[in-house]
Amino acid sequence: MGKVIFTAALTGNIHTPTMSPHLPLTPRELIEDAVRCEEAGAAVVHVHARNPKDGSPSTDVELYREILSGIKARTN
């Protein structure tokens, strides 16, 4: 039997809070969800940052830096 790699996509690129009340918006929410995904068996977490104020997609490097450093600090 071959190895299986589970990937968790936490937000999707274009999703907004109006599409799901479960969409993580803040860096802290994304970090917490990533930790839970690893605990559930995910080997890879795919992340898109969100504007914490309105949930819109963001390319803000500082948001990504906060999210990724938080995930790296708490997961393998």
N, C-alpha and C. Protein backbone atom coordinates (compact mmCIF):
# COMPACT_ATOMS: atom_id res chain seq x y z
N MET A 1 0.85 -1.18 0.00
CA MET A 1 0.00 0.00 0.00
C MET A 1 0.89 1.24 0.00
N GLY A 2 0.60 2.19 -0.88
CA GLY A 2 1.38 3.42 -0.97
C GLY A 2 1.03 4.40 0.12
N LYS A 3 1.88 5.38 0.26
CA LYS A 3 1.63 6.43 1.24
C LYS A 3 0.54 7.36 0.74
N VAL A 4 -0.18 7.96 1.67
CA VAL A 4 -1.23 8.92 1.36
C VAL A 4 -0.88 10.22 2.06
N ILE A 5 -0.98 11.31 1.34
CA ILE A 5 -0.73 12.63 1.94
C ILE A 5 -2.04 13.40 1.95
N PHE A 6 -2.47 13.80 3.14
CA PHE A 6 -3.68 14.59 3.28
C PHE A 6 -3.33 16.07 3.31
N THR A 7 -4.03 16.84 2.51
CA THR A 7 -3.86 18.29 2.45
C THR A 7 -5.14 18.95 2.93
N ALA A 8 -5.01 19.97 3.76
CA ALA A 8 -6.16 20.73 4.23
C ALA A 8 -6.09 22.15 3.67
N ALA A 9 -7.12 22.55 2.95
CA ALA A 9 -7.22 23.91 2.44
C ALA A 9 -8.17 24.66 3.37
N LEU A 10 -7.63 25.61 4.11
CA LEU A 10 -8.40 26.22 5.20
C LEU A 10 -9.45 27.24 4.75
N THR A 11 -9.19 27.95 3.66
CA THR A 11 -10.13 29.01 3.30
C THR A 11 -10.59 29.01 1.85
N GLY A 12 -9.78 28.55 0.94
CA GLY A 12 -10.05 28.78 -0.47
C GLY A 12 -9.65 30.21 -0.79
N ASN A 13 -9.45 30.49 -2.04
CA ASN A 13 -8.94 31.81 -2.43
C ASN A 13 -10.02 32.89 -2.48
N ILE A 14 -11.20 32.57 -2.96
CA ILE A 14 -12.21 33.62 -3.18
C ILE A 14 -13.36 33.60 -2.19
N HIS A 15 -13.37 32.66 -1.29
CA HIS A 15 -14.48 32.57 -0.34
C HIS A 15 -14.50 33.76 0.61
N THR A 16 -15.69 34.14 0.99
CA THR A 16 -15.89 35.26 1.91
C THR A 16 -16.80 34.80 3.05
N PRO A 17 -16.86 35.56 4.13
CA PRO A 17 -17.70 35.16 5.27
C PRO A 17 -19.17 34.97 4.92
N THR A 18 -19.66 35.62 3.88
CA THR A 18 -21.07 35.44 3.50
C THR A 18 -21.32 34.04 2.93
N MET A 19 -20.25 33.35 2.52
CA MET A 19 -20.39 32.01 1.94
C MET A 19 -20.38 30.91 2.99
N SER A 20 -19.79 31.19 4.15
CA SER A 20 -19.74 30.20 5.22
C SER A 20 -19.42 30.87 6.54
N PRO A 21 -20.20 30.57 7.57
CA PRO A 21 -19.90 31.13 8.88
C PRO A 21 -18.68 30.49 9.53
N HIS A 22 -18.14 29.45 8.91
CA HIS A 22 -17.01 28.72 9.48
C HIS A 22 -15.67 29.14 8.90
N LEU A 23 -15.65 30.13 8.04
CA LEU A 23 -14.43 30.57 7.38
C LEU A 23 -13.51 31.25 8.40
N PRO A 24 -12.28 30.74 8.60
CA PRO A 24 -11.36 31.41 9.51
C PRO A 24 -10.88 32.72 8.88
N LEU A 25 -10.89 33.79 9.65
CA LEU A 25 -10.56 35.12 9.11
C LEU A 25 -9.26 35.69 9.64
N THR A 26 -9.05 35.56 10.92
CA THR A 26 -7.89 36.20 11.53
C THR A 26 -6.69 35.26 11.49
N PRO A 27 -5.49 35.81 11.59
CA PRO A 27 -4.32 34.94 11.68
C PRO A 27 -4.45 33.90 12.79
N ARG A 28 -4.95 34.32 13.92
CA ARG A 28 -5.10 33.38 15.04
C ARG A 28 -6.05 32.23 14.68
N GLU A 29 -7.18 32.55 14.03
CA GLU A 29 -8.12 31.50 13.62
C GLU A 29 -7.49 30.55 12.60
N LEU A 30 -6.73 31.09 11.66
CA LEU A 30 -6.07 30.25 10.67
C LEU A 30 -5.02 29.35 11.32
N ILE A 31 -4.27 29.90 12.27
CA ILE A 31 -3.27 29.11 12.99
C ILE A 31 -3.94 27.98 13.77
N GLU A 32 -4.99 28.31 14.49
CA GLU A 32 -5.70 27.30 15.28
C GLU A 32 -6.26 26.20 14.38
N ASP A 33 -6.84 26.57 13.24
CA ASP A 33 -7.37 25.57 12.32
C ASP A 33 -6.25 24.70 11.75
N ALA A 34 -5.11 25.30 11.44
CA ALA A 34 -3.98 24.54 10.92
C ALA A 34 -3.50 23.52 11.95
N VAL A 35 -3.43 23.91 13.20
CA VAL A 35 -3.01 23.00 14.27
C VAL A 35 -4.01 21.84 14.37
N ARG A 36 -5.29 22.15 14.33
CA ARG A 36 -6.31 21.09 14.41
C ARG A 36 -6.21 20.14 13.21
N CYS A 37 -5.93 20.69 12.05
CA CYS A 37 -5.79 19.85 10.85
C CYS A 37 -4.60 18.89 10.99
N GLU A 38 -3.48 19.41 11.49
CA GLU A 38 -2.33 18.52 11.69
C GLU A 38 -2.69 17.43 12.70
N GLU A 39 -3.35 17.81 13.78
CA GLU A 39 -3.74 16.83 14.80
C GLU A 39 -4.67 15.77 14.21
N ALA A 40 -5.45 16.13 13.19
CA ALA A 40 -6.38 15.20 12.55
C ALA A 40 -5.70 14.37 11.47
N GLY A 41 -4.42 14.66 11.17
CA GLY A 41 -3.69 13.83 10.23
C GLY A 41 -3.23 14.52 8.95
N ALA A 42 -3.52 15.78 8.78
CA ALA A 42 -3.08 16.48 7.56
C ALA A 42 -1.56 16.65 7.58
N ALA A 43 -0.93 16.41 6.45
CA ALA A 43 0.51 16.60 6.31
C ALA A 43 0.84 17.96 5.72
N VAL A 44 -0.13 18.55 5.03
CA VAL A 44 0.06 19.84 4.34
C VAL A 44 -1.14 20.72 4.64
N VAL A 45 -0.88 21.99 4.89
CA VAL A 45 -1.96 22.96 5.06
C VAL A 45 -1.79 24.05 4.01
N HIS A 46 -2.84 24.27 3.24
CA HIS A 46 -2.86 25.29 2.18
C HIS A 46 -3.59 26.50 2.74
N VAL A 47 -2.93 27.65 2.73
CA VAL A 47 -3.46 28.84 3.40
C VAL A 47 -3.61 30.02 2.44
N HIS A 48 -4.73 30.72 2.56
CA HIS A 48 -4.92 32.02 1.93
C HIS A 48 -5.24 33.00 3.05
N ALA A 49 -4.49 34.09 3.12
CA ALA A 49 -4.73 35.08 4.17
C ALA A 49 -6.01 35.86 3.88
N ARG A 50 -6.63 36.32 4.94
CA ARG A 50 -7.85 37.12 4.85
C ARG A 50 -7.61 38.45 5.55
N ASN A 51 -8.31 39.47 5.09
CA ASN A 51 -8.33 40.74 5.81
C ASN A 51 -9.14 40.49 7.08
N PRO A 52 -8.53 40.61 8.26
CA PRO A 52 -9.24 40.28 9.50
C PRO A 52 -10.46 41.16 9.76
N LYS A 53 -10.53 42.33 9.13
CA LYS A 53 -11.66 43.24 9.37
C LYS A 53 -12.90 42.85 8.59
N ASP A 54 -12.73 42.40 7.34
CA ASP A 54 -13.92 42.12 6.53
C ASP A 54 -13.92 40.73 5.88
N GLY A 55 -12.85 39.96 6.07
CA GLY A 55 -12.80 38.60 5.55
C GLY A 55 -12.46 38.50 4.07
N SER A 56 -12.17 39.61 3.42
CA SER A 56 -11.85 39.56 2.00
C SER A 56 -10.46 38.96 1.80
N PRO A 57 -10.21 38.35 0.63
CA PRO A 57 -8.87 37.81 0.37
C PRO A 57 -7.81 38.90 0.46
N SER A 58 -6.64 38.54 0.95
CA SER A 58 -5.56 39.51 1.12
C SER A 58 -4.23 38.92 0.65
N THR A 59 -3.40 39.79 0.10
CA THR A 59 -2.04 39.39 -0.28
C THR A 59 -1.02 40.09 0.62
N ASP A 60 -1.46 40.60 1.75
CA ASP A 60 -0.59 41.32 2.68
C ASP A 60 0.50 40.38 3.22
N VAL A 61 1.73 40.71 2.90
CA VAL A 61 2.87 39.88 3.29
C VAL A 61 2.96 39.76 4.81
N GLU A 62 2.64 40.80 5.54
CA GLU A 62 2.72 40.74 7.01
C GLU A 62 1.70 39.76 7.57
N LEU A 63 0.51 39.70 6.98
CA LEU A 63 -0.48 38.71 7.43
C LEU A 63 0.05 37.30 7.20
N TYR A 64 0.59 37.06 6.01
CA TYR A 64 1.16 35.73 5.72
C TYR A 64 2.30 35.41 6.67
N ARG A 65 3.14 36.38 6.95
CA ARG A 65 4.27 36.15 7.85
C ARG A 65 3.76 35.73 9.23
N GLU A 66 2.75 36.43 9.73
CA GLU A 66 2.19 36.10 11.05
C GLU A 66 1.56 34.70 11.04
N ILE A 67 0.80 34.41 10.01
CA ILE A 67 0.12 33.12 9.92
C ILE A 67 1.14 31.99 9.82
N LEU A 68 2.08 32.11 8.90
CA LEU A 68 3.03 31.03 8.68
C LEU A 68 3.97 30.83 9.86
N SER A 69 4.41 31.91 10.48
CA SER A 69 5.28 31.73 11.65
C SER A 69 4.51 31.10 12.81
N GLY A 70 3.24 31.44 12.95
CA GLY A 70 2.42 30.83 14.00
C GLY A 70 2.19 29.35 13.76
N ILE A 71 1.96 28.99 12.50
CA ILE A 71 1.78 27.57 12.16
C ILE A 71 3.07 26.81 12.38
N LYS A 72 4.18 27.34 11.92
CA LYS A 72 5.47 26.67 12.07
C LYS A 72 5.85 26.49 13.54
N ALA A 73 5.47 27.44 14.38
CA ALA A 73 5.81 27.36 15.80
C ALA A 73 5.03 26.25 16.52
N ARG A 74 3.90 25.87 15.96
CA ARG A 74 3.03 24.92 16.67
C ARG A 74 2.82 23.58 15.97
N THR A 75 3.43 23.42 14.80
CA THR A 75 3.24 22.16 14.05
C THR A 75 4.57 21.67 13.49
N ASN A 76 4.53 20.49 12.92
CA ASN A 76 5.71 19.94 12.24
C ASN A 76 5.69 20.33 10.79
